[in-house]
C-alpha atoms as a PDB file:
ATOM      1  CA  MET A   1       0.000   0.000   0.000  1.00  0.00           C
ATOM      2  CA  SER A   2       1.413   3.415  -0.915  1.00  0.00           C
ATOM      3  CA  ARG A   3       1.935   6.239   1.591  1.00  0.00           C
ATOM      4  CA  GLN A   4      -0.978   8.203   0.144  1.00  0.00           C
ATOM      5  CA  GLN A   5      -3.286   5.192   0.447  1.00  0.00           C
ATOM      6  CA  ARG A   6      -2.185   4.627   4.062  1.00  0.00           C
ATOM      7  CA  LEU A   7      -2.833   8.281   4.873  1.00  0.00           C
ATOM      8  CA  LEU A   8      -6.287   8.104   3.302  1.00  0.00           C
ATOM      9  CA  LEU A   9      -7.024   4.938   5.299  1.00  0.00           C
ATOM     10  CA  VAL A  10      -6.075   6.650   8.572  1.00  0.00           C
ATOM     11  CA  LEU A  11      -8.163   9.721   7.720  1.00  0.00           C
ATOM     12  CA  ALA A  12     -11.149   7.562   6.744  1.00  0.00           C
ATOM     13  CA  LEU A  13     -10.962   5.559   9.993  1.00  0.00           C
ATOM     14  CA  LEU A  14     -10.681   8.724  12.105  1.00  0.00           C
ATOM     15  CA  ALA A  15     -13.651  10.260  10.297  1.00  0.00           C
ATOM     16  CA  ALA A  16     -15.694   7.068  10.759  1.00  0.00           C
ATOM     17  CA  ALA A  17     -14.853   6.941  14.477  1.00  0.00           C
ATOM     18  CA  TRP A  18     -15.783  10.593  14.933  1.00  0.00           C
ATOM     19  CA  LEU A  19     -19.043  10.147  13.015  1.00  0.00           C
ATOM     20  CA  THR A  20     -19.927   7.069  15.085  1.00  0.00           C
ATOM     21  CA  LEU A  21     -19.329   8.997  18.299  1.00  0.00           C
ATOM     22  CA  LYS A  22     -21.479  11.920  17.158  1.00  0.00           C
ATOM     23  CA  LEU A  23     -24.344   9.832  15.784  1.00  0.00           C
ATOM     24  CA  SER A  24     -24.455   7.498  18.795  1.00  0.00           C
ATOM     25  CA  GLY A  25     -24.848  10.382  21.227  1.00  0.00           C
ATOM     26  CA  LEU A  26     -21.994   9.107  23.394  1.00  0.00           C
ATOM     27  CA  SER A  27     -20.122  12.371  23.005  1.00  0.00           C
ATOM     28  CA  THR A  28     -22.638  14.112  25.266  1.00  0.00           C
ATOM     29  CA  GLN A  29     -23.525  11.244  27.616  1.00  0.00           C
ATOM     30  CA  LEU A  30     -20.268   9.601  28.721  1.00  0.00           C
ATOM     31  CA  PHE A  31     -20.198  10.547  32.419  1.00  0.00           C
ATOM     32  CA  THR A  32     -21.433  13.223  34.741  1.00  0.00           C
ATOM     33  CA  LEU A  33     -19.055  14.735  37.259  1.00  0.00           C
ATOM     34  CA  ALA A  34     -20.962  13.099  40.149  1.00  0.00           C
ATOM     35  CA  GLU A  35     -20.683   9.661  38.512  1.00  0.00           C
ATOM     36  CA  LEU A  36     -16.965  10.152  37.935  1.00  0.00           C
ATOM     37  CA  ARG A  37     -16.413  11.200  41.567  1.00  0.00           C
ATOM     38  CA  ALA A  38     -18.405   8.227  42.852  1.00  0.00           C
ATOM     39  CA  LEU A  39     -16.429   5.843  40.653  1.00  0.00           C
ATOM     40  CA  PHE A  40     -13.104   7.182  41.930  1.00  0.00           C
ATOM     41  CA  ASP A  41     -14.286   7.255  45.563  1.00  0.00           C
ATOM     42  CA  GLY A  42     -15.483   3.661  45.511  1.00  0.00           C
ATOM     43  CA  HIS A  43     -12.800   2.067  43.368  1.00  0.00           C
ATOM     44  CA  GLN A  44      -9.622   4.083  42.877  1.00  0.00           C
ATOM     45  CA  GLY A  45      -7.842   1.455  40.767  1.00  0.00           C
ATOM     46  CA  LEU A  46     -10.860   0.663  38.623  1.00  0.00           C
ATOM     47  CA  GLY A  47     -11.685   4.361  38.336  1.00  0.00           C
ATOM     48  CA  LEU A  48      -8.187   5.188  37.115  1.00  0.00           C
ATOM     49  CA  LEU A  49      -8.252   2.281  34.668  1.00  0.00           C
ATOM     50  CA  LEU A  50     -11.633   3.336  33.264  1.00  0.00           C
ATOM     51  CA  PHE A  51     -10.512   6.967  33.077  1.00  0.00           C
ATOM     52  CA  THR A  52      -7.369   5.888  31.204  1.00  0.00           C
ATOM     53  CA  LEU A  53      -9.363   3.746  28.758  1.00  0.00           C
ATOM     54  CA  LEU A  54     -11.805   6.620  28.132  1.00  0.00           C
ATOM     55  CA  PHE A  55      -8.880   8.998  27.578  1.00  0.00           C
ATOM     56  CA  MET A  56      -7.306   6.533  25.131  1.00  0.00           C
ATOM     57  CA  ALA A  57     -10.571   6.145  23.189  1.00  0.00           C
ATOM     58  CA  GLY A  58     -11.202   9.881  23.292  1.00  0.00           C
ATOM     59  CA  ASN A  59      -7.752  10.607  21.941  1.00  0.00           C
ATOM     60  CA  LEU A  60      -8.345   8.297  18.984  1.00  0.00           C
ATOM     61  CA  LEU A  61     -11.717   9.999  18.457  1.00  0.00           C
ATOM     62  CA  GLN A  62      -9.967  13.390  18.417  1.00  0.00           C
ATOM     63  CA  ILE A  63     -11.400  14.639  21.745  1.00  0.00           C
ATOM     64  CA  PRO A  64      -8.972  17.187  23.250  1.00  0.00           C
ATOM     65  CA  GLY A  65      -7.114  16.056  26.367  1.00  0.00           C
ATOM     66  CA  TRP A  66      -8.035  19.162  28.373  1.00  0.00           C
ATOM     67  CA  VAL A  67     -11.602  17.821  28.585  1.00  0.00           C
ATOM     68  CA  PHE A  68     -10.318  14.804  30.518  1.00  0.00           C
ATOM     69  CA  LEU A  69      -7.975  16.939  32.613  1.00  0.00           C
ATOM     70  CA  ALA A  70     -10.779  19.303  33.628  1.00  0.00           C
ATOM     71  CA  ALA A  71     -12.991  16.351  34.592  1.00  0.00           C
ATOM     72  CA  ALA A  72     -10.187  14.782  36.637  1.00  0.00           C
ATOM     73  CA  VAL A  73      -9.412  18.035  38.461  1.00  0.00           C
ATOM     74  CA  LEU A  74     -13.087  18.565  39.275  1.00  0.00           C
ATOM     75  CA  ALA A  75     -13.466  14.958  40.432  1.00  0.00           C
ATOM     76  CA  LEU A  76     -10.167  14.438  42.271  1.00  0.00           C
ATOM     77  CA  GLY A  77      -8.670  17.852  42.900  1.00  0.00           C
ATOM     78  CA  PRO A  78      -5.652  19.453  41.240  1.00  0.00           C
ATOM     79  CA  MET A  79      -2.953  17.126  42.589  1.00  0.00           C
ATOM     80  CA  TRP A  80      -4.543  13.699  42.131  1.00  0.00           C
ATOM     81  CA  GLY A  81      -6.463  14.814  39.047  1.00  0.00           C
ATOM     82  CA  GLY A  82      -3.229  16.051  37.489  1.00  0.00           C
ATOM     83  CA  LEU A  83      -1.317  12.877  38.346  1.00  0.00           C
ATOM     84  CA  GLY A  84      -4.139  10.643  37.078  1.00  0.00           C
ATOM     85  CA  THR A  85      -4.353  12.675  33.897  1.00  0.00           C
ATOM     86  CA  TYR A  86      -0.587  12.469  33.364  1.00  0.00           C
ATOM     87  CA  LEU A  87      -0.712   8.682  33.552  1.00  0.00           C
ATOM     88  CA  ALA A  88      -3.810   8.471  31.339  1.00  0.00           C
ATOM     89  CA  ALA A  89      -2.420  11.034  28.856  1.00  0.00           C
ATOM     90  CA  CYS A  90       0.823   9.095  28.442  1.00  0.00           C
ATOM     91  CA  CYS A  91      -1.143   5.889  27.809  1.00  0.00           C
ATOM     92  CA  ALA A  92      -3.471   7.698  25.386  1.00  0.00           C
ATOM     93  CA  CYS A  93      -0.630   9.291  23.410  1.00  0.00           C
ATOM     94  CA  LEU A  94       1.312   6.034  23.187  1.00  0.00           C
ATOM     95  CA  SER A  95      -1.686   3.933  22.191  1.00  0.00           C
ATOM     96  CA  SER A  96      -2.790   6.401  19.516  1.00  0.00           C
ATOM     97  CA  PHE A  97       0.782   6.527  18.185  1.00  0.00           C
ATOM     98  CA  PHE A  98       0.851   2.734  17.998  1.00  0.00           C
ATOM     99  CA  VAL A  99      -2.545   2.468  16.228  1.00  0.00           C
ATOM    100  CA  ILE A 100      -1.916   5.314  13.768  1.00  0.00           C
ATOM    101  CA  ARG A 101       1.646   4.179  13.011  1.00  0.00           C
ATOM    102  CA  TRP A 102       0.405   0.624  12.453  1.00  0.00           C
ATOM    103  CA  LEU A 103      -2.276   1.854  10.028  1.00  0.00           C
ATOM    104  CA  GLY A 104      -0.402   4.645   8.282  1.00  0.00           C
ATOM    105  CA  ALA A 105       3.314   3.940   8.791  1.00  0.00           C
ATOM    106  CA  ASP A 106       5.206   7.103   7.773  1.00  0.00           C
ATOM    107  CA  ALA A 107       2.658   8.341   5.244  1.00  0.00           C
ATOM    108  CA  LEU A 108       3.512  12.029   5.754  1.00  0.00           C
ATOM    109  CA  ARG A 109       6.997  11.383   4.378  1.00  0.00           C
ATOM    110  CA  ALA A 110       5.391  11.417   0.929  1.00  0.00           C
ATOM    111  CA  TRP A 111       5.317  15.234   1.315  1.00  0.00           C
ATOM    112  CA  GLN A 112       8.862  15.503   2.621  1.00  0.00           C
ATOM    113  CA  ASN A 113      10.179  17.033  -0.599  1.00  0.00           C
ATOM    114  CA  LYS A 114       7.086  18.993  -1.628  1.00  0.00           C
ATOM    115  CA  GLY A 115       8.335  22.381  -0.514  1.00  0.00           C
ATOM    116  CA  ARG A 116      10.909  24.290   1.459  1.00  0.00           C
ATOM    117  CA  LEU A 117       8.853  24.312   4.654  1.00  0.00           C
ATOM    118  CA  SER A 118       8.225  20.560   4.668  1.00  0.00           C
ATOM    119  CA  ARG A 119      11.917  19.876   3.978  1.00  0.00           C
ATOM    120  CA  ARG A 120      12.898  22.102   6.921  1.00  0.00           C
ATOM    121  CA  LEU A 121      10.337  20.548   9.274  1.00  0.00           C
ATOM    122  CA  PHE A 122      11.329  16.972   8.470  1.00  0.00           C
ATOM    123  CA  ALA A 123      15.044  17.829   8.624  1.00  0.00           C
ATOM    124  CA  ARG A 124      14.545  19.329  12.109  1.00  0.00           C
ATOM    125  CA  LEU A 125      12.499  16.328  13.213  1.00  0.00           C
ATOM    126  CA  ASP A 126      15.148  13.940  11.882  1.00  0.00           C
ATOM    127  CA  ARG A 127      18.071  15.830  13.464  1.00  0.00           C
ATOM    128  CA  HIS A 128      16.464  16.322  16.893  1.00  0.00           C
ATOM    129  CA  PRO A 129      13.505  13.957  17.308  1.00  0.00           C
ATOM    130  CA  LEU A 130      13.476  13.892  21.136  1.00  0.00           C
ATOM    131  CA  GLN A 131      13.806  17.656  21.458  1.00  0.00           C
ATOM    132  CA  SER A 132      11.133  18.187  18.792  1.00  0.00           C
ATOM    133  CA  VAL A 133       8.604  15.879  20.454  1.00  0.00           C
ATOM    134  CA  THR A 134       9.293  17.376  23.895  1.00  0.00           C
ATOM    135  CA  LEU A 135       8.788  20.947  22.652  1.00  0.00           C
ATOM    136  CA  LEU A 136       5.643  19.991  20.748  1.00  0.00           C
ATOM    137  CA  ARG A 137       4.244  18.336  23.900  1.00  0.00           C
ATOM    138  CA  LEU A 138       5.028  21.454  25.935  1.00  0.00           C
ATOM    139  CA  MET A 139       3.095  23.580  23.429  1.00  0.00           C
ATOM    140  CA  PHE A 140       0.261  21.303  22.309  1.00  0.00           C
ATOM    141  CA  GLN A 141       0.092  18.688  25.120  1.00  0.00           C
ATOM    142  CA  THR A 142      -2.068  15.729  24.073  1.00  0.00           C
ATOM    143  CA  ALA A 143      -3.638  17.319  20.997  1.00  0.00           C
ATOM    144  CA  PRO A 144      -5.009  14.414  18.950  1.00  0.00           C
ATOM    145  CA  ALA A 145      -3.898  16.029  15.682  1.00  0.00           C
ATOM    146  CA  LEU A 146      -0.330  16.208  17.023  1.00  0.00           C
ATOM    147  CA  ASN A 147      -0.417  12.497  17.887  1.00  0.00           C
ATOM    148  CA  VAL A 148      -1.566  11.648  14.374  1.00  0.00           C
ATOM    149  CA  ALA A 149       1.010  13.914  12.718  1.00  0.00           C
ATOM    150  CA  LEU A 150       3.895  12.557  14.792  1.00  0.00           C
ATOM    151  CA  ALA A 151       2.826   8.950  14.229  1.00  0.00           C
ATOM    152  CA  LEU A 152       2.669   9.487  10.463  1.00  0.00           C
ATOM    153  CA  SER A 153       5.926  11.477  10.376  1.00  0.00           C
ATOM    154  CA  GLY A 154       8.209   8.519  10.952  1.00  0.00           C
ATOM    155  CA  VAL A 155       9.610   9.872  14.239  1.00  0.00           C
ATOM    156  CA  PRO A 156      11.294   7.018  16.148  1.00  0.00           C
ATOM    157  CA  TRP A 157       9.243   5.259  18.850  1.00  0.00           C
ATOM    158  CA  ARG A 158      11.871   5.880  21.554  1.00  0.00           C
ATOM    159  CA  SER A 159      11.983   9.626  20.884  1.00  0.00           C
ATOM    160  CA  TYR A 160       8.184   9.781  20.852  1.00  0.00           C
ATOM    161  CA  VAL A 161       7.883   7.968  24.192  1.00  0.00           C
ATOM    162  CA  LEU A 162      10.605   9.973  25.953  1.00  0.00           C
ATOM    163  CA  GLY A 163       9.453  13.285  24.476  1.00  0.00           C
ATOM    164  CA  THR A 164       5.902  12.579  25.615  1.00  0.00           C
ATOM    165  CA  VAL A 165       6.932  11.556  29.139  1.00  0.00           C
ATOM    166  CA  ILE A 166       9.242  14.579  29.500  1.00  0.00           C
ATOM    167  CA  GLY A 167       7.023  17.160  27.796  1.00  0.00           C
ATOM    168  CA  LEU A 168       3.635  16.496  29.423  1.00  0.00           C
ATOM    169  CA  PRO A 169       4.148  17.134  33.180  1.00  0.00           C
ATOM    170  CA  LEU A 170       4.580  20.928  33.073  1.00  0.00           C
ATOM    171  CA  PRO A 171       1.539  21.767  30.921  1.00  0.00           C
ATOM    172  CA  ILE A 172      -0.632  19.269  32.819  1.00  0.00           C
ATOM    173  CA  ALA A 173       0.427  20.809  36.145  1.00  0.00           C
ATOM    174  CA  LEU A 174      -0.297  24.325  34.890  1.00  0.00           C
ATOM    175  CA  TYR A 175      -3.674  23.341  33.452  1.00  0.00           C
ATOM    176  CA  SER A 176      -4.535  21.513  36.693  1.00  0.00           C
ATOM    177  CA  LEU A 177      -3.953  24.715  38.639  1.00  0.00           C
ATOM    178  CA  PHE A 178      -5.900  26.710  36.050  1.00  0.00           C
ATOM    179  CA  PHE A 179      -8.935  24.406  36.206  1.00  0.00           C
ATOM    180  CA  ASP A 180      -8.774  24.371  40.011  1.00  0.00           C
ATOM    181  CA  ARG A 181      -8.804  28.197  40.124  1.00  0.00           C
ATOM    182  CA  LEU A 182     -11.532  28.361  37.492  1.00  0.00           C
ATOM    183  CA  ALA A 183     -13.674  25.940  39.510  1.00  0.00           C
ATOM    184  CA  LEU A 184     -13.173  28.060  42.640  1.00  0.00           C
ATOM    185  CA  TRP A 185     -14.080  31.202  40.715  1.00  0.00           C
ATOM    186  CA  LEU A 186     -17.237  29.488  39.396  1.00  0.00           C
ATOM    187  CA  HIS A 187     -18.015  28.138  42.895  1.00  0.00           C
ATOM    188  CA  LEU A 188     -17.814  24.503  41.802  1.00  0.00           C
ATOM    189  CA  PRO A 189     -16.958  21.985  44.510  1.00  0.00           C
ATOM    190  CA  VAL A 190     -13.414  20.660  44.037  1.00  0.00           C
ATOM    191  CA  PRO A 191     -11.754  18.115  46.339  1.00  0.00           C
ATOM    192  CA  SER A 192      -8.559  19.406  47.909  1.00  0.00           C
END
């Protein structure tokens, strides 16, 4: 299968998954905050596992990671919500990389020589893959589009894993504090 065909296959599967989520109504009915809190209170291990699996599915369905982070902060507080989200975000990024890479290989490399900008971007990614992934994680965190682009770019697995693990803690910590302050400002109950 050619790179263009692999890329089209990945795009078609992502569109089908998104359409299924929208048409099924699951995108608006996954969990309420009270249900999420009760799940974590009663079964911390099971709650974290379910949260991680939902984050992984959501990432493949192109749901932004901040949605999961906000829910975790509101359900568990900024510290435990942030730590749970970090674990779930790493799992989500790695699983989406694995699935997209398996389906599309390095399909974006077909555009490597299509212009000066693409040549520069791929050259930078090839010269400094760990630094590139880390900086992209610091700026865009768990953005599903970033996961897809990096998986299809041919970046090495090791650099992707390390860059994700190194680049996610700071933005997750900052967003945890932001959502905690926002909840206080909106008078929402947040565990301490």
